[in-house]
N, C-alpha and C. Protein backbone atom coordinates (compact mmCIF):
# COMPACT_ATOMS: atom_id res chain seq x y z
N MET A 1 48.64 -0.72 16.98
CA MET A 1 48.14 -2.14 16.92
C MET A 1 46.65 -2.10 16.78
N THR A 2 46.24 -2.95 15.95
CA THR A 2 44.71 -3.12 15.72
C THR A 2 44.15 -4.15 16.62
N GLN A 3 42.99 -3.93 17.14
CA GLN A 3 42.46 -4.76 18.11
C GLN A 3 41.18 -5.50 17.36
N THR A 4 41.23 -6.66 17.30
CA THR A 4 40.09 -7.55 16.83
C THR A 4 38.89 -7.21 17.63
N PRO A 5 37.72 -6.94 17.18
CA PRO A 5 36.57 -6.84 17.99
C PRO A 5 36.10 -8.13 18.58
N PRO A 6 35.45 -8.08 19.56
CA PRO A 6 34.92 -9.31 20.19
C PRO A 6 33.89 -10.00 19.20
N SER A 7 33.93 -11.32 19.16
CA SER A 7 33.27 -11.93 18.29
C SER A 7 31.79 -12.33 18.92
N GLU A 8 30.85 -12.40 18.06
CA GLU A 8 29.42 -12.73 18.58
C GLU A 8 29.55 -14.41 18.84
N PRO A 9 28.83 -14.87 19.90
CA PRO A 9 28.76 -16.26 20.06
C PRO A 9 28.08 -17.00 18.81
N TRP A 10 27.20 -16.49 18.32
CA TRP A 10 26.47 -17.18 17.01
C TRP A 10 27.36 -17.38 15.87
N LEU A 11 28.31 -16.33 15.74
CA LEU A 11 29.11 -16.22 14.66
C LEU A 11 30.38 -17.34 14.97
N ASP A 12 30.93 -17.56 16.26
CA ASP A 12 31.76 -18.43 16.61
C ASP A 12 31.15 -19.86 16.35
N ASP A 13 29.96 -20.18 16.57
CA ASP A 13 29.31 -21.37 16.49
C ASP A 13 29.22 -21.71 15.00
N LEU A 14 28.87 -20.67 14.09
CA LEU A 14 28.81 -20.69 12.68
C LEU A 14 30.23 -21.32 12.18
N ARG A 15 31.27 -20.43 12.64
CA ARG A 15 32.63 -20.82 12.22
C ARG A 15 32.94 -22.25 12.45
N ARG A 16 32.64 -22.75 13.77
CA ARG A 16 33.11 -24.06 14.14
C ARG A 16 32.13 -24.97 13.16
N GLU A 17 31.06 -24.72 13.07
CA GLU A 17 30.24 -25.64 12.34
C GLU A 17 30.71 -25.81 10.68
N THR A 18 31.09 -24.60 10.26
CA THR A 18 31.69 -24.51 8.82
C THR A 18 32.92 -25.31 8.76
N ALA A 19 33.79 -25.10 9.79
CA ALA A 19 34.94 -25.79 9.84
C ALA A 19 34.67 -27.37 10.00
N ARG A 20 33.82 -27.65 10.64
CA ARG A 20 33.46 -29.26 10.80
C ARG A 20 33.02 -29.81 9.38
N HIS A 21 32.19 -28.93 8.70
CA HIS A 21 31.62 -29.47 7.52
C HIS A 21 32.83 -29.55 6.45
N LEU A 22 33.87 -28.58 6.48
CA LEU A 22 34.62 -28.54 5.51
C LEU A 22 35.69 -29.68 5.75
N GLU A 23 36.06 -30.00 7.03
CA GLU A 23 36.77 -31.21 7.40
C GLU A 23 36.15 -32.61 6.87
N GLN A 24 34.87 -32.56 7.09
CA GLN A 24 34.02 -33.85 6.49
C GLN A 24 34.29 -33.87 5.11
N ILE A 25 34.24 -32.76 4.42
CA ILE A 25 34.34 -32.80 2.90
C ILE A 25 35.51 -33.09 2.66
N ALA A 26 36.62 -32.63 3.14
CA ALA A 26 38.03 -33.01 2.77
C ALA A 26 38.30 -34.38 3.02
N GLN A 27 37.81 -35.01 4.10
CA GLN A 27 37.92 -36.53 4.31
C GLN A 27 37.25 -37.17 3.22
N VAL A 28 35.93 -36.91 2.96
CA VAL A 28 35.35 -37.66 1.71
C VAL A 28 36.11 -37.58 0.50
N GLN A 29 36.56 -36.36 0.17
CA GLN A 29 37.42 -36.28 -1.01
C GLN A 29 38.57 -37.26 -0.98
N ASP A 30 39.35 -37.40 -0.03
CA ASP A 30 40.44 -38.36 -0.02
C ASP A 30 39.85 -39.79 0.14
N GLU A 31 38.91 -40.01 0.65
CA GLU A 31 38.37 -41.39 0.58
C GLU A 31 37.87 -41.69 -0.82
N LEU A 32 37.03 -40.71 -1.47
CA LEU A 32 36.63 -40.93 -2.94
C LEU A 32 37.64 -41.46 -3.77
N SER A 33 38.89 -40.84 -3.73
CA SER A 33 40.11 -41.07 -4.59
C SER A 33 40.61 -42.54 -4.47
N THR A 34 40.12 -43.12 -3.65
CA THR A 34 40.50 -44.65 -3.49
C THR A 34 39.28 -45.65 -3.45
N LEU A 35 38.09 -45.01 -3.42
CA LEU A 35 36.93 -45.82 -3.45
C LEU A 35 36.87 -46.77 -4.79
N TYR A 36 36.40 -48.02 -4.76
CA TYR A 36 36.24 -48.89 -5.77
C TYR A 36 35.32 -50.12 -5.60
N GLY A 37 34.68 -50.56 -6.42
CA GLY A 37 33.87 -51.86 -6.26
C GLY A 37 34.54 -52.95 -7.24
N GLU A 38 34.34 -54.12 -6.75
CA GLU A 38 34.96 -55.15 -7.35
C GLU A 38 33.83 -56.32 -7.62
N ALA A 39 34.00 -57.07 -8.76
CA ALA A 39 32.91 -58.23 -8.70
C ALA A 39 33.66 -59.15 -9.97
N HIS A 40 32.98 -60.38 -9.74
CA HIS A 40 33.36 -61.22 -10.90
C HIS A 40 32.13 -62.14 -11.49
N ALA A 41 32.44 -62.69 -12.63
CA ALA A 41 31.30 -63.38 -13.26
C ALA A 41 31.87 -64.55 -13.89
N ALA A 42 31.14 -65.46 -14.43
CA ALA A 42 31.55 -66.65 -15.20
C ALA A 42 32.45 -67.57 -14.42
N GLU A 43 31.95 -67.68 -13.04
CA GLU A 43 32.62 -68.71 -12.16
C GLU A 43 33.95 -68.00 -11.77
N GLY A 44 34.22 -66.77 -11.81
CA GLY A 44 35.50 -66.22 -11.45
C GLY A 44 36.51 -66.09 -12.65
N ARG A 45 36.06 -66.24 -13.76
CA ARG A 45 36.77 -66.18 -15.00
C ARG A 45 36.89 -64.69 -15.55
N VAL A 46 35.97 -63.98 -14.98
CA VAL A 46 35.85 -62.50 -15.35
C VAL A 46 35.85 -61.82 -14.20
N ARG A 47 36.75 -60.79 -14.09
CA ARG A 47 36.95 -59.95 -12.80
C ARG A 47 37.03 -58.60 -13.17
N VAL A 48 36.39 -57.70 -12.74
CA VAL A 48 36.29 -56.19 -13.01
C VAL A 48 36.21 -55.36 -11.58
N ARG A 49 37.16 -54.32 -11.69
CA ARG A 49 37.24 -53.24 -10.76
C ARG A 49 36.74 -51.97 -11.26
N VAL A 50 35.73 -51.25 -10.68
CA VAL A 50 35.39 -49.96 -11.11
C VAL A 50 35.77 -48.80 -9.99
N ASN A 51 35.80 -47.59 -10.53
CA ASN A 51 36.16 -46.44 -9.68
C ASN A 51 34.79 -46.01 -9.07
N ALA A 52 34.81 -45.01 -8.22
CA ALA A 52 33.55 -44.39 -7.61
C ALA A 52 32.48 -44.02 -8.75
N ALA A 53 33.02 -43.66 -9.78
CA ALA A 53 31.93 -43.25 -10.85
C ALA A 53 31.40 -44.43 -11.54
N GLY A 54 31.94 -45.60 -11.20
CA GLY A 54 31.37 -46.76 -11.95
C GLY A 54 32.04 -47.23 -13.23
N ARG A 55 33.30 -46.44 -13.60
CA ARG A 55 34.07 -46.64 -14.67
C ARG A 55 34.99 -47.82 -14.41
N PRO A 56 35.13 -48.83 -15.34
CA PRO A 56 35.96 -49.88 -15.15
C PRO A 56 37.54 -49.49 -15.15
N THR A 57 38.28 -49.80 -14.23
CA THR A 57 39.61 -49.44 -14.11
C THR A 57 40.52 -50.75 -14.41
N VAL A 58 39.90 -51.94 -14.11
CA VAL A 58 40.69 -53.10 -14.33
C VAL A 58 39.60 -54.33 -14.87
N LEU A 59 40.13 -54.80 -15.82
CA LEU A 59 39.37 -56.14 -16.26
C LEU A 59 40.31 -57.11 -16.36
N THR A 60 40.09 -58.39 -15.74
CA THR A 60 40.83 -59.33 -15.97
C THR A 60 40.13 -60.58 -16.45
N LEU A 61 40.59 -61.21 -17.53
CA LEU A 61 39.95 -62.37 -18.08
C LEU A 61 40.94 -63.67 -17.91
N GLU A 62 40.54 -64.70 -17.23
CA GLU A 62 41.19 -65.80 -17.00
C GLU A 62 41.37 -66.54 -18.44
N PRO A 63 42.40 -67.21 -18.80
CA PRO A 63 42.42 -67.76 -20.18
C PRO A 63 41.39 -68.70 -20.41
N SER A 64 40.69 -69.39 -19.56
CA SER A 64 39.49 -70.26 -19.74
C SER A 64 38.40 -69.41 -20.10
N ALA A 65 38.29 -68.01 -19.89
CA ALA A 65 37.30 -67.15 -20.32
C ALA A 65 36.96 -67.00 -21.80
N LEU A 66 38.33 -67.15 -22.39
CA LEU A 66 38.27 -67.02 -23.87
C LEU A 66 37.75 -68.02 -24.66
N ALA A 67 37.44 -69.28 -23.83
CA ALA A 67 36.80 -70.34 -24.42
C ALA A 67 35.20 -70.19 -24.58
N LEU A 68 34.75 -69.23 -23.75
CA LEU A 68 33.37 -68.91 -23.87
C LEU A 68 32.95 -68.38 -25.11
N PRO A 69 31.62 -68.70 -25.59
CA PRO A 69 31.08 -68.13 -26.93
C PRO A 69 31.14 -66.45 -26.60
N PRO A 70 31.48 -65.80 -27.70
CA PRO A 70 31.57 -64.46 -27.43
C PRO A 70 30.38 -63.83 -26.95
N SER A 71 29.22 -63.98 -27.18
CA SER A 71 27.83 -63.41 -26.53
C SER A 71 28.04 -63.69 -24.97
N ASP A 72 28.34 -64.94 -24.63
CA ASP A 72 28.55 -65.29 -23.26
C ASP A 72 29.59 -64.57 -22.45
N LEU A 73 30.77 -64.35 -23.10
CA LEU A 73 31.73 -63.54 -22.46
C LEU A 73 31.35 -62.20 -22.30
N ALA A 74 30.64 -61.65 -23.41
CA ALA A 74 30.46 -60.11 -23.33
C ALA A 74 29.22 -59.91 -22.14
N ALA A 75 28.35 -61.02 -22.10
CA ALA A 75 27.36 -60.72 -20.97
C ALA A 75 27.91 -60.92 -19.58
N ALA A 76 28.94 -61.74 -19.45
CA ALA A 76 29.88 -61.89 -18.29
C ALA A 76 30.56 -60.59 -17.83
N ILE A 77 31.07 -59.93 -18.77
CA ILE A 77 31.79 -58.86 -18.60
C ILE A 77 30.82 -57.76 -18.17
N LEU A 78 29.68 -57.57 -18.81
CA LEU A 78 28.66 -56.68 -18.49
C LEU A 78 28.00 -56.89 -17.12
N ARG A 79 27.87 -58.20 -16.69
CA ARG A 79 27.35 -58.42 -15.35
C ARG A 79 28.42 -58.13 -14.26
N ALA A 80 29.57 -58.31 -14.55
CA ALA A 80 30.66 -58.11 -13.65
C ALA A 80 30.71 -56.64 -13.41
N VAL A 81 30.65 -55.72 -14.67
CA VAL A 81 30.66 -54.41 -14.19
C VAL A 81 29.52 -53.71 -13.69
N ASP A 82 28.42 -54.28 -13.97
CA ASP A 82 27.13 -54.00 -13.23
C ASP A 82 27.14 -54.15 -11.79
N ASP A 83 27.59 -55.29 -11.29
CA ASP A 83 27.87 -55.86 -9.87
C ASP A 83 28.86 -54.93 -9.13
N ALA A 84 29.91 -54.61 -9.92
CA ALA A 84 31.15 -53.92 -9.40
C ALA A 84 30.51 -52.48 -9.04
N THR A 85 29.94 -51.86 -10.26
CA THR A 85 29.23 -50.54 -10.08
C THR A 85 28.31 -50.47 -8.98
N ALA A 86 27.51 -51.49 -8.59
CA ALA A 86 26.55 -51.59 -7.57
C ALA A 86 27.32 -51.59 -6.30
N ARG A 87 28.35 -52.29 -6.05
CA ARG A 87 29.22 -52.29 -4.86
C ARG A 87 29.78 -50.85 -4.54
N ALA A 88 30.38 -50.36 -5.72
CA ALA A 88 30.93 -49.15 -5.58
C ALA A 88 29.83 -48.03 -5.13
N GLY A 89 28.76 -48.11 -5.63
CA GLY A 89 27.71 -47.13 -5.38
C GLY A 89 27.27 -47.33 -3.82
N GLU A 90 27.22 -48.81 -3.42
CA GLU A 90 26.87 -49.00 -1.94
C GLU A 90 28.07 -48.23 -1.03
N ARG A 91 29.22 -48.35 -1.36
CA ARG A 91 30.27 -47.80 -0.79
C ARG A 91 30.29 -46.35 -0.58
N LEU A 92 30.05 -45.73 -1.79
CA LEU A 92 29.70 -44.29 -2.01
C LEU A 92 28.52 -43.73 -1.04
N ALA A 93 27.57 -44.43 -1.26
CA ALA A 93 26.33 -44.06 -0.27
C ALA A 93 26.73 -44.00 1.29
N GLU A 94 27.54 -45.12 1.66
CA GLU A 94 28.05 -45.15 3.13
C GLU A 94 28.88 -44.04 3.31
N LEU A 95 29.89 -43.64 2.29
CA LEU A 95 30.89 -42.56 2.40
C LEU A 95 30.18 -41.11 2.69
N VAL A 96 29.21 -40.82 1.67
CA VAL A 96 28.76 -39.57 1.73
C VAL A 96 27.28 -39.41 2.26
N GLY A 97 26.86 -40.43 2.86
CA GLY A 97 25.40 -40.46 3.40
C GLY A 97 25.31 -39.30 4.33
N THR A 98 26.25 -38.77 5.08
CA THR A 98 26.15 -37.83 6.09
C THR A 98 26.06 -36.46 5.53
N LEU A 99 26.57 -36.41 4.17
CA LEU A 99 26.61 -35.15 3.56
C LEU A 99 25.53 -35.00 2.55
N VAL A 100 25.05 -35.97 1.82
CA VAL A 100 24.20 -36.05 0.76
C VAL A 100 23.08 -36.99 0.91
N PRO A 101 21.87 -36.44 1.03
CA PRO A 101 20.69 -37.47 1.17
C PRO A 101 20.76 -38.54 -0.09
N ALA A 102 20.31 -39.71 0.41
CA ALA A 102 20.35 -41.07 -0.46
C ALA A 102 19.63 -40.62 -1.81
N ALA A 103 18.43 -39.92 -1.83
CA ALA A 103 17.64 -39.64 -3.07
C ALA A 103 18.45 -38.71 -4.03
N ASP A 104 18.98 -37.69 -3.31
CA ASP A 104 19.78 -36.82 -4.13
C ASP A 104 21.04 -37.38 -4.54
N LEU A 105 21.75 -38.33 -3.96
CA LEU A 105 22.80 -39.08 -4.34
C LEU A 105 22.50 -40.09 -5.63
N ASP A 106 21.47 -40.75 -5.48
CA ASP A 106 20.98 -41.42 -6.55
C ASP A 106 20.70 -40.75 -7.80
N ALA A 107 20.12 -39.57 -7.67
CA ALA A 107 19.88 -38.64 -8.89
C ALA A 107 21.23 -38.16 -9.41
N MET A 108 22.18 -37.71 -8.45
CA MET A 108 23.30 -37.27 -9.08
C MET A 108 24.22 -38.39 -9.76
N LEU A 109 24.13 -39.56 -9.12
CA LEU A 109 24.91 -40.72 -10.00
C LEU A 109 24.17 -41.13 -11.32
N ALA A 110 22.75 -40.96 -11.31
CA ALA A 110 22.29 -41.34 -12.47
C ALA A 110 22.22 -39.98 -13.53
N GLY A 111 22.79 -39.16 -13.12
CA GLY A 111 23.01 -37.89 -14.03
C GLY A 111 21.72 -36.95 -14.13
N ARG A 112 20.76 -37.13 -13.36
CA ARG A 112 19.52 -36.21 -13.43
C ARG A 112 19.42 -35.34 -12.19
N PRO A 113 18.73 -34.11 -12.60
CA PRO A 113 18.46 -33.24 -11.28
C PRO A 113 17.72 -33.81 -10.44
N THR A 114 17.91 -33.31 -9.04
CA THR A 114 16.99 -33.76 -7.98
C THR A 114 15.64 -32.77 -8.12
N ASP A 115 14.71 -33.07 -7.19
CA ASP A 115 13.54 -32.26 -7.17
C ASP A 115 14.03 -31.03 -6.49
N ALA A 116 14.97 -30.97 -5.57
CA ALA A 116 15.34 -29.86 -4.91
C ALA A 116 16.24 -28.84 -5.76
N ASP A 117 17.01 -29.55 -6.71
CA ASP A 117 17.67 -28.68 -7.79
C ASP A 117 16.54 -27.97 -8.68
N ARG A 118 15.55 -28.72 -9.13
CA ARG A 118 14.61 -28.27 -10.19
C ARG A 118 14.01 -26.85 -9.33
N VAL A 119 13.60 -27.21 -8.08
CA VAL A 119 12.78 -26.15 -7.20
C VAL A 119 13.74 -25.04 -7.04
N ALA A 120 15.07 -25.19 -6.79
CA ALA A 120 15.90 -23.98 -6.69
C ALA A 120 16.12 -23.20 -7.85
N VAL A 121 16.15 -23.92 -9.00
CA VAL A 121 16.38 -23.25 -10.39
C VAL A 121 15.07 -22.39 -10.74
N ARG A 122 13.96 -23.00 -10.44
CA ARG A 122 12.66 -22.31 -10.70
C ARG A 122 12.70 -21.03 -9.58
N ALA A 123 12.99 -21.25 -8.42
CA ALA A 123 13.00 -20.07 -7.62
C ALA A 123 13.88 -18.91 -8.03
N GLU A 124 15.08 -19.17 -8.42
CA GLU A 124 15.87 -18.20 -9.13
C GLU A 124 15.21 -17.69 -10.31
N LEU A 125 14.83 -18.46 -11.12
CA LEU A 125 14.23 -17.71 -12.40
C LEU A 125 13.10 -16.99 -11.89
N ASP A 126 12.22 -17.33 -10.99
CA ASP A 126 11.18 -16.56 -10.67
C ASP A 126 11.68 -15.10 -10.17
N ALA A 127 12.63 -15.31 -9.27
CA ALA A 127 13.06 -14.04 -8.66
C ALA A 127 13.65 -13.10 -9.77
N LEU A 128 14.41 -13.65 -10.75
CA LEU A 128 14.99 -12.78 -11.74
C LEU A 128 13.91 -12.26 -12.55
N SER A 129 12.83 -12.92 -12.72
CA SER A 129 11.58 -12.37 -13.53
C SER A 129 10.98 -11.33 -12.79
N ALA A 130 10.89 -11.36 -11.35
CA ALA A 130 10.25 -10.51 -10.60
C ALA A 130 11.09 -9.18 -10.45
N ASP A 131 12.44 -9.27 -10.63
CA ASP A 131 13.22 -8.03 -10.73
C ASP A 131 13.27 -7.28 -12.08
N GLY A 132 12.44 -8.01 -13.04
CA GLY A 132 12.62 -7.32 -14.35
C GLY A 132 13.67 -7.84 -15.16
N GLY A 133 14.33 -8.91 -14.80
CA GLY A 133 15.45 -9.53 -15.56
C GLY A 133 15.34 -10.30 -16.57
């Protein structure tokens, strides 16, 4: 029979902390799958639901919305999408706020790298250059 060597206290702490973080991530993943934002415009005649990424998943137009001039209807739809996306973004920030700093989350949602990302990439490139790579 093989005996397991005694564990170091710091290693046990690290394992517990890692397990706690993984549990948080799993919970956030579950909640992200159901996160959405909703909004309406044109006095409720236009309603939109977007997912966590801000993509419209439901667009409802009341029959009276079709009486609006096309440019007004288009503007109302865009306004509702923007408002719903902002609401989804607020919910997302609340949800992942303990895992991702707000500035990093804003950058990720906008599709641009964070300063920390840039610094990390530059450090890796510098390390590769120093190694002769």
